[in-house]
Every structure is written in structure tokens, then in C-alpha cells.
């Protein structure tokens, strides 16, 4: 379970004009019932996905934080970023 502070940060960033596209993996019933997942703002979009769970944060298409079994990794490698971006887009557009 993500802390409430995480969602407060998403709300603040959305209001500042940061575009946030978020995929949620797991139990769809949780996402349907959880008010904190749905932030009513034009810069925030959320979709439920059923693919292989990946935790990542991509900034400006150039900087990536990615969760692995060994911890959180940071990269600016365009090939690796391209692979995870393709995965995200595949999941994002599959659940429109």
C-alpha cells in the first residue's frame, strides 16, 4: 500500500502542471473503490493494467527510476528507457 503522502504529492504536481500518466497493477476492485487513486485533474490520468508488474518513474522521457530485486536503479540509457517506455505504452493503450 502506497502512503497517503505519495498521493498528496501527485495532487500537488498535477496542480503545478506536471502531466502524470499512471498504471495500476493488481486487484481491479481495489482501484475501483480507492478514492485516493483517482485524482480529478486534467494533468492526471490513471488506468488499470493486467500485465507484468513494473514499478518505474520516467521523467521527460530521459531519466528513469526502476525498481528491481536489488533495489531502485537510475538510468539515462536511451535503449533501456525505450524498452520500458514501449512496455508502458503497450499497457496504457491496451486499457483505454
N, C-alpha and C. Protein backbone atom coordinates (compact mmCIF):
# COMPACT_ATOMS: atom_id res chain seq x y z
N UNK A 1 0.86 -1.19 0.00
CA UNK A 1 0.00 0.00 0.00
C UNK A 1 0.89 1.23 0.00
N UNK A 2 0.61 2.13 -0.92
CA UNK A 2 1.38 3.37 -1.01
C UNK A 2 0.88 4.35 0.05
N UNK A 3 1.79 5.13 0.61
CA UNK A 3 1.39 6.08 1.66
C UNK A 3 0.56 7.24 1.11
N UNK A 4 -0.24 7.82 1.97
CA UNK A 4 -1.08 8.96 1.59
C UNK A 4 -0.23 10.13 1.08
N UNK A 5 0.99 10.27 1.61
CA UNK A 5 1.88 11.35 1.17
C UNK A 5 2.20 11.25 -0.32
N UNK A 6 2.28 10.03 -0.82
CA UNK A 6 2.53 9.80 -2.25
C UNK A 6 1.43 10.43 -3.10
N UNK A 7 0.18 10.17 -2.70
CA UNK A 7 -0.94 10.70 -3.46
C UNK A 7 -1.08 12.21 -3.29
N UNK A 8 -0.72 12.72 -2.13
CA UNK A 8 -0.72 14.17 -1.94
C UNK A 8 0.30 14.82 -2.86
N UNK A 9 1.46 14.19 -3.02
CA UNK A 9 2.48 14.70 -3.94
C UNK A 9 1.98 14.68 -5.38
N UNK A 10 1.31 13.60 -5.78
CA UNK A 10 0.74 13.54 -7.13
C UNK A 10 -0.26 14.67 -7.36
N UNK A 11 -1.09 14.94 -6.37
CA UNK A 11 -2.06 16.03 -6.49
C UNK A 11 -1.36 17.38 -6.64
N UNK A 12 -0.34 17.62 -5.82
CA UNK A 12 0.39 18.89 -5.89
C UNK A 12 1.07 19.05 -7.25
N UNK A 13 1.71 18.01 -7.73
CA UNK A 13 2.41 18.08 -9.01
C UNK A 13 1.43 18.30 -10.16
N UNK A 14 0.27 17.63 -10.11
CA UNK A 14 -0.75 17.83 -11.14
C UNK A 14 -1.19 19.29 -11.19
N UNK A 15 -1.41 19.87 -10.03
CA UNK A 15 -1.84 21.27 -9.96
C UNK A 15 -0.78 22.23 -10.47
N UNK A 16 0.50 21.81 -10.40
CA UNK A 16 1.60 22.63 -10.91
C UNK A 16 1.78 22.47 -12.42
N UNK A 17 1.00 21.57 -13.04
CA UNK A 17 1.07 21.38 -14.48
C UNK A 17 1.88 20.19 -14.94
N UNK A 18 2.34 19.36 -14.01
CA UNK A 18 3.08 18.15 -14.38
C UNK A 18 2.08 17.12 -14.89
N UNK A 19 2.32 16.57 -16.07
CA UNK A 19 1.47 15.53 -16.62
C UNK A 19 1.85 14.20 -16.01
N UNK A 20 0.89 13.51 -15.43
CA UNK A 20 1.12 12.23 -14.77
C UNK A 20 0.20 11.19 -15.42
N UNK A 21 0.82 10.14 -15.98
CA UNK A 21 0.09 9.01 -16.51
C UNK A 21 0.49 7.80 -15.66
N UNK A 22 -0.48 7.20 -15.02
CA UNK A 22 -0.20 6.18 -14.02
C UNK A 22 -0.94 4.90 -14.34
N UNK A 23 -0.21 3.78 -14.33
CA UNK A 23 -0.82 2.47 -14.47
C UNK A 23 -0.88 1.81 -13.10
N UNK A 24 -1.97 1.13 -12.82
CA UNK A 24 -2.09 0.39 -11.58
C UNK A 24 -2.20 -1.10 -11.88
N UNK A 25 -1.38 -1.89 -11.21
CA UNK A 25 -1.40 -3.34 -11.37
C UNK A 25 -1.93 -3.94 -10.08
N UNK A 26 -2.71 -4.99 -10.20
CA UNK A 26 -3.23 -5.64 -9.01
C UNK A 26 -4.71 -5.90 -9.12
N UNK A 27 -5.39 -5.81 -8.02
CA UNK A 27 -6.81 -6.12 -7.92
C UNK A 27 -7.64 -4.95 -8.44
N UNK A 28 -8.36 -5.15 -9.53
CA UNK A 28 -9.15 -4.07 -10.12
C UNK A 28 -10.20 -3.54 -9.14
N UNK A 29 -10.73 -4.40 -8.27
CA UNK A 29 -11.73 -3.95 -7.30
C UNK A 29 -11.15 -2.89 -6.36
N UNK A 30 -9.88 -3.07 -5.96
CA UNK A 30 -9.23 -2.07 -5.11
C UNK A 30 -9.20 -0.71 -5.81
N UNK A 31 -8.82 -0.70 -7.08
CA UNK A 31 -8.71 0.56 -7.80
C UNK A 31 -10.06 1.21 -8.05
N UNK A 32 -11.08 0.40 -8.21
CA UNK A 32 -12.43 0.95 -8.39
C UNK A 32 -12.93 1.61 -7.11
N UNK A 33 -12.55 1.06 -5.95
CA UNK A 33 -13.05 1.55 -4.68
C UNK A 33 -12.17 2.59 -4.01
N UNK A 34 -10.92 2.69 -4.41
CA UNK A 34 -9.97 3.57 -3.73
C UNK A 34 -10.06 4.99 -4.27
N UNK A 35 -10.63 5.88 -3.48
CA UNK A 35 -10.77 7.27 -3.90
C UNK A 35 -9.43 7.95 -4.12
N UNK A 36 -8.42 7.59 -3.35
CA UNK A 36 -7.14 8.29 -3.44
C UNK A 36 -6.41 8.01 -4.75
N UNK A 37 -6.75 6.92 -5.43
CA UNK A 37 -6.11 6.59 -6.71
C UNK A 37 -6.56 7.57 -7.79
N UNK A 38 -7.78 8.04 -7.70
CA UNK A 38 -8.36 8.87 -8.75
C UNK A 38 -8.26 10.35 -8.37
N UNK A 39 -7.36 11.04 -9.03
CA UNK A 39 -7.14 12.46 -8.76
C UNK A 39 -7.84 13.25 -9.86
N UNK A 40 -8.87 13.99 -9.54
CA UNK A 40 -9.63 14.71 -10.56
C UNK A 40 -8.88 15.96 -11.05
N UNK A 41 -8.04 15.77 -12.03
CA UNK A 41 -7.28 16.88 -12.60
C UNK A 41 -6.93 16.55 -14.04
N UNK A 42 -6.97 17.54 -14.96
CA UNK A 42 -6.69 17.25 -16.36
C UNK A 42 -5.25 16.79 -16.63
N UNK A 43 -4.33 17.03 -15.72
CA UNK A 43 -2.94 16.59 -15.91
C UNK A 43 -2.68 15.20 -15.34
N UNK A 44 -3.72 14.55 -14.81
CA UNK A 44 -3.55 13.24 -14.18
C UNK A 44 -4.45 12.23 -14.86
N UNK A 45 -3.87 11.10 -15.23
CA UNK A 45 -4.67 10.02 -15.82
C UNK A 45 -4.23 8.70 -15.18
N UNK A 46 -5.19 7.84 -14.91
CA UNK A 46 -4.93 6.54 -14.29
C UNK A 46 -5.66 5.47 -15.07
N UNK A 47 -4.96 4.35 -15.29
CA UNK A 47 -5.59 3.19 -15.91
C UNK A 47 -5.14 1.94 -15.18
N UNK A 48 -6.04 0.98 -15.10
CA UNK A 48 -5.74 -0.31 -14.51
C UNK A 48 -5.15 -1.21 -15.59
N UNK A 49 -4.07 -1.92 -15.28
CA UNK A 49 -3.41 -2.81 -16.23
C UNK A 49 -3.30 -4.20 -15.64
N UNK A 50 -3.19 -5.19 -16.50
CA UNK A 50 -3.08 -6.56 -16.03
C UNK A 50 -1.80 -7.24 -16.50
N UNK A 51 -0.85 -6.51 -17.03
CA UNK A 51 0.40 -7.09 -17.49
C UNK A 51 1.35 -7.38 -16.33
N UNK A 52 2.58 -7.66 -16.68
CA UNK A 52 3.62 -7.93 -15.68
C UNK A 52 3.92 -6.63 -14.93
N UNK A 53 3.83 -6.68 -13.62
CA UNK A 53 4.01 -5.51 -12.77
C UNK A 53 5.42 -4.94 -12.91
N UNK A 54 5.50 -3.65 -13.15
CA UNK A 54 6.77 -2.94 -13.20
C UNK A 54 6.60 -1.63 -12.46
N UNK A 55 7.49 -1.34 -11.53
CA UNK A 55 7.44 -0.06 -10.84
C UNK A 55 8.53 0.83 -11.42
N UNK A 56 8.11 1.96 -12.01
CA UNK A 56 9.08 2.85 -12.62
C UNK A 56 8.55 4.28 -12.62
N UNK A 57 9.47 5.20 -12.71
CA UNK A 57 9.16 6.61 -12.80
C UNK A 57 10.03 7.19 -13.90
N UNK A 58 9.40 7.69 -14.94
CA UNK A 58 10.11 8.26 -16.09
C UNK A 58 9.86 9.76 -16.12
N UNK A 59 10.94 10.52 -16.21
CA UNK A 59 10.85 11.98 -16.22
C UNK A 59 11.35 12.50 -17.56
N UNK A 60 10.48 13.24 -18.25
CA UNK A 60 10.82 13.88 -19.52
C UNK A 60 11.35 12.91 -20.57
N UNK A 61 11.03 11.63 -20.46
CA UNK A 61 11.47 10.64 -21.43
C UNK A 61 12.97 10.40 -21.42
N UNK A 62 13.68 10.92 -20.40
CA UNK A 62 15.15 10.85 -20.39
C UNK A 62 15.75 10.26 -19.13
N UNK A 63 15.04 10.32 -18.03
CA UNK A 63 15.58 9.86 -16.74
C UNK A 63 14.60 8.85 -16.15
N UNK A 64 15.14 7.70 -15.75
CA UNK A 64 14.28 6.62 -15.31
C UNK A 64 14.73 6.06 -13.97
N UNK A 65 13.79 5.96 -13.04
CA UNK A 65 13.98 5.19 -11.81
C UNK A 65 13.17 3.91 -12.00
N UNK A 66 13.82 2.78 -11.72
CA UNK A 66 13.18 1.49 -11.97
C UNK A 66 13.45 0.56 -10.81
N UNK A 67 12.40 -0.05 -10.28
CA UNK A 67 12.53 -0.97 -9.15
C UNK A 67 12.94 -2.35 -9.66
N UNK A 68 13.95 -2.92 -9.03
CA UNK A 68 14.41 -4.27 -9.35
C UNK A 68 14.49 -5.08 -8.06
N UNK A 69 14.85 -6.34 -8.18
CA UNK A 69 15.03 -7.18 -6.99
C UNK A 69 16.17 -6.67 -6.12
N UNK A 70 17.10 -5.93 -6.71
CA UNK A 70 18.27 -5.43 -5.98
C UNK A 70 18.07 -4.03 -5.42
N UNK A 71 16.95 -3.41 -5.70
CA UNK A 71 16.68 -2.07 -5.22
C UNK A 71 16.19 -1.18 -6.35
N UNK A 72 16.34 0.11 -6.17
CA UNK A 72 15.91 1.08 -7.18
C UNK A 72 17.14 1.50 -7.99
N UNK A 73 17.02 1.41 -9.30
CA UNK A 73 18.11 1.79 -10.19
C UNK A 73 17.76 3.07 -10.94
N UNK A 74 18.75 3.86 -11.22
CA UNK A 74 18.60 5.09 -12.01
C UNK A 74 19.37 4.91 -13.31
N UNK A 75 18.77 5.33 -14.41
CA UNK A 75 19.46 5.26 -15.69
C UNK A 75 19.03 6.39 -16.61
N UNK A 76 19.94 6.73 -17.50
CA UNK A 76 19.63 7.64 -18.62
C UNK A 76 19.90 6.92 -19.94
N UNK A 77 20.05 5.59 -19.88
CA UNK A 77 20.31 4.77 -21.06
C UNK A 77 19.09 4.78 -21.98
N UNK A 78 19.21 5.38 -23.17
CA UNK A 78 18.04 5.50 -24.05
C UNK A 78 17.49 4.16 -24.52
N UNK A 79 18.34 3.14 -24.64
CA UNK A 79 17.85 1.83 -25.09
C UNK A 79 16.97 1.21 -24.00
N UNK A 80 17.45 1.21 -22.77
CA UNK A 80 16.67 0.66 -21.66
C UNK A 80 15.39 1.46 -21.44
N UNK A 81 15.51 2.77 -21.48
CA UNK A 81 14.33 3.63 -21.33
C UNK A 81 13.32 3.34 -22.43
N UNK A 82 13.81 3.15 -23.65
CA UNK A 82 12.93 2.83 -24.78
C UNK A 82 12.18 1.53 -24.57
N UNK A 83 12.85 0.54 -24.00
CA UNK A 83 12.20 -0.75 -23.74
C UNK A 83 11.08 -0.61 -22.72
N UNK A 84 11.35 0.08 -21.63
CA UNK A 84 10.31 0.23 -20.61
C UNK A 84 9.21 1.19 -21.06
N UNK A 85 9.56 2.18 -21.84
CA UNK A 85 8.54 3.09 -22.39
C UNK A 85 7.61 2.31 -23.32
N UNK A 86 8.16 1.44 -24.14
CA UNK A 86 7.34 0.61 -25.04
C UNK A 86 6.40 -0.28 -24.23
N UNK A 87 6.91 -0.85 -23.14
CA UNK A 87 6.07 -1.69 -22.28
C UNK A 87 4.93 -0.85 -21.68
N UNK A 88 5.27 0.32 -21.14
CA UNK A 88 4.25 1.19 -20.56
C UNK A 88 3.19 1.54 -21.60
N UNK A 89 3.63 1.96 -22.79
CA UNK A 89 2.68 2.35 -23.82
C UNK A 89 1.79 1.18 -24.26
N UNK A 90 2.38 0.00 -24.32
CA UNK A 90 1.60 -1.19 -24.67
C UNK A 90 0.49 -1.41 -23.64
N UNK A 91 0.82 -1.31 -22.37
CA UNK A 91 -0.18 -1.47 -21.31
C UNK A 91 -1.18 -0.31 -21.30
N UNK A 92 -0.67 0.91 -21.48
CA UNK A 92 -1.52 2.11 -21.44
C UNK A 92 -2.60 2.06 -22.51
N UNK A 93 -2.19 1.77 -23.76
CA UNK A 93 -3.14 1.82 -24.85
C UNK A 93 -4.01 0.57 -24.92
N UNK A 94 -3.59 -0.52 -24.28
CA UNK A 94 -4.40 -1.73 -24.23
C UNK A 94 -5.59 -1.55 -23.30
N UNK A 95 -5.53 -0.56 -22.42
CA UNK A 95 -6.58 -0.40 -21.41
C UNK A 95 -7.27 0.96 -21.51
N UNK A 96 -7.47 1.41 -22.73
CA UNK A 96 -8.15 2.70 -22.92
C UNK A 96 -9.64 2.56 -22.77
